[in-house]
PDB file of N, CA and C in Angstrom:
ATOM      1  N   MET A   1      18.333  24.698  15.225  1.00  0.00           N
ATOM      2  CA  MET A   1      17.373  23.959  14.436  1.00  0.00           C
ATOM      3  C   MET A   1      18.062  22.715  13.863  1.00  0.00           C
ATOM      4  N   ASP A   2      17.393  21.601  13.991  1.00  0.00           N
ATOM      5  CA  ASP A   2      17.909  20.314  13.535  1.00  0.00           C
ATOM      6  C   ASP A   2      17.569  20.108  12.056  1.00  0.00           C
ATOM      7  N   VAL A   3      18.375  19.306  11.374  1.00  0.00           N
ATOM      8  CA  VAL A   3      18.130  19.022   9.956  1.00  0.00           C
ATOM      9  C   VAL A   3      16.799  18.301   9.774  1.00  0.00           C
ATOM     10  N   THR A   4      16.452  17.429  10.705  1.00  0.00           N
ATOM     11  CA  THR A   4      15.178  16.707  10.626  1.00  0.00           C
ATOM     12  C   THR A   4      14.012  17.678  10.681  1.00  0.00           C
ATOM     13  N   ASP A   5      14.100  18.663  11.547  1.00  0.00           N
ATOM     14  CA  ASP A   5      13.040  19.669  11.636  1.00  0.00           C
ATOM     15  C   ASP A   5      13.023  20.570  10.401  1.00  0.00           C
ATOM     16  N   LEU A   6      14.202  20.913   9.922  1.00  0.00           N
ATOM     17  CA  LEU A   6      14.304  21.813   8.779  1.00  0.00           C
ATOM     18  C   LEU A   6      13.693  21.195   7.520  1.00  0.00           C
ATOM     19  N   LEU A   7      13.984  19.930   7.284  1.00  0.00           N
ATOM     20  CA  LEU A   7      13.482  19.261   6.079  1.00  0.00           C
ATOM     21  C   LEU A   7      12.142  18.565   6.288  1.00  0.00           C
ATOM     22  N   GLY A   8      11.707  18.444   7.530  1.00  0.00           N
ATOM     23  CA  GLY A   8      10.444  17.771   7.811  1.00  0.00           C
ATOM     24  C   GLY A   8      10.500  16.282   7.514  1.00  0.00           C
ATOM     25  N   LEU A   9      11.608  15.639   7.858  1.00  0.00           N
ATOM     26  CA  LEU A   9      11.799  14.234   7.515  1.00  0.00           C
ATOM     27  C   LEU A   9      10.835  13.310   8.237  1.00  0.00           C
ATOM     28  N   ASP A  10      10.417  13.666   9.441  1.00  0.00           N
ATOM     29  CA  ASP A  10       9.450  12.832  10.159  1.00  0.00           C
ATOM     30  C   ASP A  10       8.129  12.766   9.399  1.00  0.00           C
ATOM     31  N   THR A  11       7.665  13.904   8.960  1.00  0.00           N
ATOM     32  CA  THR A  11       6.416  13.957   8.201  1.00  0.00           C
ATOM     33  C   THR A  11       6.582  13.302   6.838  1.00  0.00           C
ATOM     34  N   LEU A  12       7.715  13.527   6.206  1.00  0.00           N
ATOM     35  CA  LEU A  12       7.969  12.946   4.890  1.00  0.00           C
ATOM     36  C   LEU A  12       7.994  11.423   4.958  1.00  0.00           C
ATOM     37  N   LEU A  13       8.612  10.868   5.981  1.00  0.00           N
ATOM     38  CA  LEU A  13       8.659   9.416   6.137  1.00  0.00           C
ATOM     39  C   LEU A  13       7.264   8.850   6.383  1.00  0.00           C
ATOM     40  N   ALA A  14       6.480   9.510   7.212  1.00  0.00           N
ATOM     41  CA  ALA A  14       5.110   9.052   7.470  1.00  0.00           C
ATOM     42  C   ALA A  14       4.266   9.119   6.202  1.00  0.00           C
ATOM     43  N   GLN A  15       4.453  10.157   5.394  1.00  0.00           N
ATOM     44  CA  GLN A  15       3.722  10.263   4.130  1.00  0.00           C
ATOM     45  C   GLN A  15       4.138   9.162   3.161  1.00  0.00           C
ATOM     46  N   PHE A  16       5.418   8.841   3.135  1.00  0.00           N
ATOM     47  CA  PHE A  16       5.905   7.764   2.275  1.00  0.00           C
ATOM     48  C   PHE A  16       5.319   6.421   2.694  1.00  0.00           C
ATOM     49  N   VAL A  17       5.279   6.163   3.992  1.00  0.00           N
ATOM     50  CA  VAL A  17       4.711   4.907   4.494  1.00  0.00           C
ATOM     51  C   VAL A  17       3.227   4.832   4.161  1.00  0.00           C
ATOM     52  N   LEU A  18       2.505   5.920   4.335  1.00  0.00           N
ATOM     53  CA  LEU A  18       1.084   5.960   3.983  1.00  0.00           C
ATOM     54  C   LEU A  18       0.882   5.712   2.488  1.00  0.00           C
ATOM     55  N   ALA A  19       1.692   6.337   1.652  1.00  0.00           N
ATOM     56  CA  ALA A  19       1.566   6.159   0.201  1.00  0.00           C
ATOM     57  C   ALA A  19       1.892   4.730  -0.215  1.00  0.00           C
ATOM     58  N   LEU A  20       2.893   4.133   0.388  1.00  0.00           N
ATOM     59  CA  LEU A  20       3.251   2.748   0.074  1.00  0.00           C
ATOM     60  C   LEU A  20       2.119   1.801   0.442  1.00  0.00           C
ATOM     61  N   GLY A  21       1.569   1.967   1.636  1.00  0.00           N
ATOM     62  CA  GLY A  21       0.456   1.122   2.062  1.00  0.00           C
ATOM     63  C   GLY A  21      -0.772   1.312   1.195  1.00  0.00           C
ATOM     64  N   ALA A  22      -1.078   2.557   0.849  1.00  0.00           N
ATOM     65  CA  ALA A  22      -2.243   2.822  -0.003  1.00  0.00           C
ATOM     66  C   ALA A  22      -2.056   2.223  -1.391  1.00  0.00           C
ATOM     67  N   ALA A  23      -0.841   2.283  -1.922  1.00  0.00           N
ATOM     68  CA  ALA A  23      -0.570   1.684  -3.233  1.00  0.00           C
ATOM     69  C   ALA A  23      -0.743   0.171  -3.188  1.00  0.00           C
ATOM     70  N   MET A  24      -0.323  -0.446  -2.095  1.00  0.00           N
ATOM     71  CA  MET A  24      -0.504  -1.894  -1.959  1.00  0.00           C
ATOM     72  C   MET A  24      -1.981  -2.254  -1.881  1.00  0.00           C
ATOM     73  N   VAL A  25      -2.751  -1.463  -1.151  1.00  0.00           N
ATOM     74  CA  VAL A  25      -4.188  -1.729  -1.021  1.00  0.00           C
ATOM     75  C   VAL A  25      -4.883  -1.566  -2.371  1.00  0.00           C
ATOM     76  N   VAL A  26      -4.608  -0.476  -3.063  1.00  0.00           N
ATOM     77  CA  VAL A  26      -5.271  -0.214  -4.344  1.00  0.00           C
ATOM     78  C   VAL A  26      -4.861  -1.252  -5.391  1.00  0.00           C
ATOM     79  N   GLY A  27      -3.578  -1.549  -5.481  1.00  0.00           N
ATOM     80  CA  GLY A  27      -3.107  -2.501  -6.483  1.00  0.00           C
ATOM     81  C   GLY A  27      -3.631  -3.902  -6.273  1.00  0.00           C
ATOM     82  N   ASN A  28      -3.547  -4.394  -5.050  1.00  0.00           N
ATOM     83  CA  ASN A  28      -4.032  -5.746  -4.781  1.00  0.00           C
ATOM     84  C   ASN A  28      -5.550  -5.810  -4.806  1.00  0.00           C
ATOM     85  N   GLY A  29      -6.206  -4.745  -4.363  1.00  0.00           N
ATOM     86  CA  GLY A  29      -7.665  -4.703  -4.456  1.00  0.00           C
ATOM     87  C   GLY A  29      -8.130  -4.743  -5.902  1.00  0.00           C
ATOM     88  N   ALA A  30      -7.455  -4.004  -6.772  1.00  0.00           N
ATOM     89  CA  ALA A  30      -7.804  -4.014  -8.197  1.00  0.00           C
ATOM     90  C   ALA A  30      -7.559  -5.386  -8.810  1.00  0.00           C
ATOM     91  N   ALA A  31      -6.488  -6.053  -8.401  1.00  0.00           N
ATOM     92  CA  ALA A  31      -6.204  -7.395  -8.923  1.00  0.00           C
ATOM     93  C   ALA A  31      -7.258  -8.397  -8.458  1.00  0.00           C
ATOM     94  N   ILE A  32      -7.692  -8.284  -7.217  1.00  0.00           N
ATOM     95  CA  ILE A  32      -8.714  -9.195  -6.691  1.00  0.00           C
ATOM     96  C   ILE A  32     -10.039  -8.973  -7.410  1.00  0.00           C
ATOM     97  N   VAL A  33     -10.417  -7.717  -7.609  1.00  0.00           N
ATOM     98  CA  VAL A  33     -11.673  -7.407  -8.302  1.00  0.00           C
ATOM     99  C   VAL A  33     -11.607  -7.865  -9.759  1.00  0.00           C
ATOM    100  N   ALA A  34     -10.481  -7.630 -10.422  1.00  0.00           N
ATOM    101  CA  ALA A  34     -10.342  -8.050 -11.821  1.00  0.00           C
ATOM    102  C   ALA A  34     -10.433  -9.564 -11.943  1.00  0.00           C
ATOM    103  N   ASP A  35      -9.833 -10.284 -11.011  1.00  0.00           N
ATOM    104  CA  ASP A  35      -9.915 -11.746 -11.047  1.00  0.00           C
ATOM    105  C   ASP A  35     -11.338 -12.218 -10.785  1.00  0.00           C
ATOM    106  N   ALA A  36     -12.037 -11.560  -9.888  1.00  0.00           N
ATOM    107  CA  ALA A  36     -13.419 -11.950  -9.593  1.00  0.00           C
ATOM    108  C   ALA A  36     -14.329 -11.726 -10.801  1.00  0.00           C
ATOM    109  N   ARG A  37     -14.004 -10.732 -11.612  1.00  0.00           N
ATOM    110  CA  ARG A  37     -14.795 -10.459 -12.819  1.00  0.00           C
ATOM    111  C   ARG A  37     -14.342 -11.304 -14.012  1.00  0.00           C
ATOM    112  N   GLY A  38     -13.310 -12.107 -13.826  1.00  0.00           N
ATOM    113  CA  GLY A  38     -12.843 -12.993 -14.886  1.00  0.00           C
ATOM    114  C   GLY A  38     -11.888 -12.358 -15.878  1.00  0.00           C
ATOM    115  N   ARG A  39     -11.353 -11.200 -15.564  1.00  0.00           N
ATOM    116  CA  ARG A  39     -10.418 -10.528 -16.467  1.00  0.00           C
ATOM    117  C   ARG A  39      -9.000 -11.030 -16.212  1.00  0.00           C
ATOM    118  N   GLN A  40      -8.273 -11.214 -17.283  1.00  0.00           N
ATOM    119  CA  GLN A  40      -6.867 -11.597 -17.204  1.00  0.00           C
ATOM    120  C   GLN A  40      -6.028 -10.534 -17.912  1.00  0.00           C
ATOM    121  N   PRO A  41      -4.859 -10.221 -17.378  1.00  0.00           N
ATOM    122  CA  PRO A  41      -3.991  -9.264 -18.071  1.00  0.00           C
ATOM    123  C   PRO A  41      -3.529  -9.823 -19.419  1.00  0.00           C
ATOM    124  N   ARG A  42      -3.364  -8.948 -20.388  1.00  0.00           N
ATOM    125  CA  ARG A  42      -2.878  -9.381 -21.697  1.00  0.00           C
ATOM    126  C   ARG A  42      -1.418  -9.794 -21.598  1.00  0.00           C
ATOM    127  N   ARG A  43      -1.041 -10.762 -22.401  1.00  0.00           N
ATOM    128  CA  ARG A  43       0.338 -11.268 -22.469  1.00  0.00           C
ATOM    129  C   ARG A  43       0.857 -11.677 -21.098  1.00  0.00           C
ATOM    130  N   MET A  44       0.014 -12.312 -20.308  1.00  0.00           N
ATOM    131  CA  MET A  44       0.382 -12.727 -18.954  1.00  0.00           C
ATOM    132  C   MET A  44       0.360 -14.243 -18.869  1.00  0.00           C
ATOM    133  N   GLU A  45       1.398 -14.801 -18.313  1.00  0.00           N
ATOM    134  CA  GLU A  45       1.449 -16.235 -18.088  1.00  0.00           C
ATOM    135  C   GLU A  45       1.414 -16.488 -16.591  1.00  0.00           C
ATOM    136  N   GLY A  46       0.909 -17.633 -16.210  1.00  0.00           N
ATOM    137  CA  GLY A  46       0.848 -17.982 -14.801  1.00  0.00           C
ATOM    138  C   GLY A  46      -0.567 -17.880 -14.264  1.00  0.00           C
ATOM    139  N   THR A  47      -0.693 -18.226 -12.999  1.00  0.00           N
ATOM    140  CA  THR A  47      -2.005 -18.215 -12.361  1.00  0.00           C
ATOM    141  C   THR A  47      -2.076 -17.102 -11.330  1.00  0.00           C
ATOM    142  N   PHE A  48      -3.285 -16.674 -11.067  1.00  0.00           N
ATOM    143  CA  PHE A  48      -3.522 -15.648 -10.051  1.00  0.00           C
ATOM    144  C   PHE A  48      -3.563 -16.314  -8.684  1.00  0.00           C
ATOM    145  N   ARG A  49      -2.777 -15.824  -7.758  1.00  0.00           N
ATOM    146  CA  ARG A  49      -2.742 -16.388  -6.409  1.00  0.00           C
ATOM    147  C   ARG A  49      -3.567 -15.506  -5.482  1.00  0.00           C
ATOM    148  N   LYS A  50      -4.791 -15.955  -5.213  1.00  0.00           N
ATOM    149  CA  LYS A  50      -5.705 -15.161  -4.384  1.00  0.00           C
ATOM    150  C   LYS A  50      -5.175 -14.973  -2.971  1.00  0.00           C
ATOM    151  N   SER A  51      -4.629 -16.032  -2.392  1.00  0.00           N
ATOM    152  CA  SER A  51      -4.163 -15.925  -1.007  1.00  0.00           C
ATOM    153  C   SER A  51      -3.034 -14.905  -0.889  1.00  0.00           C
ATOM    154  N   ARG A  52      -2.155 -14.867  -1.876  1.00  0.00           N
ATOM    155  CA  ARG A  52      -1.068 -13.892  -1.841  1.00  0.00           C
ATOM    156  C   ARG A  52      -1.604 -12.469  -1.986  1.00  0.00           C
ATOM    157  N   ALA A  53      -2.574 -12.281  -2.882  1.00  0.00           N
ATOM    158  CA  ALA A  53      -3.156 -10.951  -3.077  1.00  0.00           C
ATOM    159  C   ALA A  53      -3.872 -10.481  -1.812  1.00  0.00           C
ATOM    160  N   TRP A  54      -4.628 -11.378  -1.170  1.00  0.00           N
ATOM    161  CA  TRP A  54      -5.313 -11.008   0.073  1.00  0.00           C
ATOM    162  C   TRP A  54      -4.302 -10.713   1.180  1.00  0.00           C
ATOM    163  N   TRP A  55      -3.235 -11.504   1.255  1.00  0.00           N
ATOM    164  CA  TRP A  55      -2.197 -11.280   2.263  1.00  0.00           C
ATOM    165  C   TRP A  55      -1.564  -9.900   2.063  1.00  0.00           C
ATOM    166  N   LEU A  56      -1.176  -9.577   0.837  1.00  0.00           N
ATOM    167  CA  LEU A  56      -0.547  -8.290   0.574  1.00  0.00           C
ATOM    168  C   LEU A  56      -1.519  -7.128   0.750  1.00  0.00           C
ATOM    169  N   LEU A  57      -2.801  -7.361   0.503  1.00  0.00           N
ATOM    170  CA  LEU A  57      -3.811  -6.338   0.774  1.00  0.00           C
ATOM    171  C   LEU A  57      -3.863  -6.051   2.276  1.00  0.00           C
ATOM    172  N   GLY A  58      -3.854  -7.096   3.085  1.00  0.00           N
ATOM    173  CA  GLY A  58      -3.859  -6.917   4.540  1.00  0.00           C
ATOM    174  C   GLY A  58      -2.610  -6.212   5.042  1.00  0.00           C
ATOM    175  N   VAL A  59      -1.467  -6.586   4.490  1.00  0.00           N
ATOM    176  CA  VAL A  59      -0.214  -5.918   4.860  1.00  0.00           C
ATOM    177  C   VAL A  59      -0.273  -4.445   4.466  1.00  0.00           C
ATOM    178  N   GLY A  60      -0.835  -4.165   3.298  1.00  0.00           N
ATOM    179  CA  GLY A  60      -0.981  -2.778   2.853  1.00  0.00           C
ATOM    180  C   GLY A  60      -1.876  -1.966   3.768  1.00  0.00           C
ATOM    181  N   VAL A  61      -2.947  -2.593   4.261  1.00  0.00           N
ATOM    182  CA  VAL A  61      -3.838  -1.904   5.207  1.00  0.00           C
ATOM    183  C   VAL A  61      -3.080  -1.561   6.486  1.00  0.00           C
ATOM    184  N   LEU A  62      -2.297  -2.506   6.986  1.00  0.00           N
ATOM    185  CA  LEU A  62      -1.524  -2.241   8.210  1.00  0.00           C
ATOM    186  C   LEU A  62      -0.494  -1.136   7.991  1.00  0.00           C
ATOM    187  N   ILE A  63       0.198  -1.177   6.860  1.00  0.00           N
ATOM    188  CA  ILE A  63       1.201  -0.150   6.573  1.00  0.00           C
ATOM    189  C   ILE A  63       0.542   1.220   6.409  1.00  0.00           C
ATOM    190  N   ALA A  64      -0.588   1.265   5.706  1.00  0.00           N
ATOM    191  CA  ALA A  64      -1.291   2.542   5.521  1.00  0.00           C
ATOM    192  C   ALA A  64      -1.804   3.080   6.854  1.00  0.00           C
ATOM    193  N   ALA A  65      -2.305   2.196   7.704  1.00  0.00           N
ATOM    194  CA  ALA A  65      -2.767   2.635   9.026  1.00  0.00           C
ATOM    195  C   ALA A  65      -1.603   3.178   9.847  1.00  0.00           C
ATOM    196  N   TRP A  66      -0.467   2.512   9.773  1.00  0.00           N
ATOM    197  CA  TRP A  66       0.720   2.963  10.492  1.00  0.00           C
ATOM    198  C   TRP A  66       1.131   4.357  10.008  1.00  0.00           C
ATOM    199  N   GLY A  67       1.171   4.555   8.706  1.00  0.00           N
ATOM    200  CA  GLY A  67       1.538   5.864   8.171  1.00  0.00           C
ATOM    201  C   GLY A  67       0.526   6.937   8.522  1.00  0.00           C
ATOM    202  N   GLY A  68      -0.760   6.604   8.429  1.00  0.00           N
ATOM    203  CA  GLY A  68      -1.802   7.578   8.762  1.00  0.00           C
ATOM    204  C   GLY A  68      -1.784   7.968  10.225  1.00  0.00           C
ATOM    205  N   LEU A  69      -1.620   6.979  11.085  1.00  0.00           N
ATOM    206  CA  LEU A  69      -1.564   7.276  12.520  1.00  0.00           C
ATOM    207  C   LEU A  69      -0.293   8.032  12.887  1.00  0.00           C
ATOM    208  N   SER A  70       0.794   7.777  12.170  1.00  0.00           N
ATOM    209  CA  SER A  70       2.026   8.529  12.416  1.00  0.00           C
ATOM    210  C   SER A  70       1.861   9.999  12.045  1.00  0.00           C
ATOM    211  N   LEU A  71       1.053  10.269  11.030  1.00  0.00           N
ATOM    212  CA  LEU A  71       0.802  11.666  10.662  1.00  0.00           C
ATOM    213  C   LEU A  71      -0.085  12.366  11.686  1.00  0.00           C
ATOM    214  N   LEU A  72      -0.987  11.612  12.310  1.00  0.00           N
ATOM    215  CA  LEU A  72      -1.906  12.204  13.286  1.00  0.00           C
ATOM    216  C   LEU A  72      -1.287  12.361  14.672  1.00  0.00           C
ATOM    217  N   ALA A  73      -0.267  11.571  14.961  1.00  0.00           N
ATOM    218  CA  ALA A  73       0.359  11.612  16.290  1.00  0.00           C
ATOM    219  C   ALA A  73       1.115  12.929  16.467  1.00  0.00           C
ATOM    220  N   PRO A  74       1.088  13.457  17.678  1.00  0.00           N
ATOM    221  CA  PRO A  74       1.797  14.731  17.919  1.00  0.00           C
ATOM    222  C   PRO A  74       3.295  14.595  17.883  1.00  0.00           C
TER     223      PRO A  74
END
């Protein structure tokens, strides 16, 4: 029995990738929605960069899809 099989590292890595992508989607999605509603974080300086938030949301979708498909693959 291999250490990878014993600890389930393949599954653990896929779960980590899925969680990272989902966190990026939820976080950037919440920031985009909050900006659309006109809410600003308290004690925050600077401007909201919509293009960056949309870019990171798209990257998060790709990462989450990669992790999800890795869990489904045999």
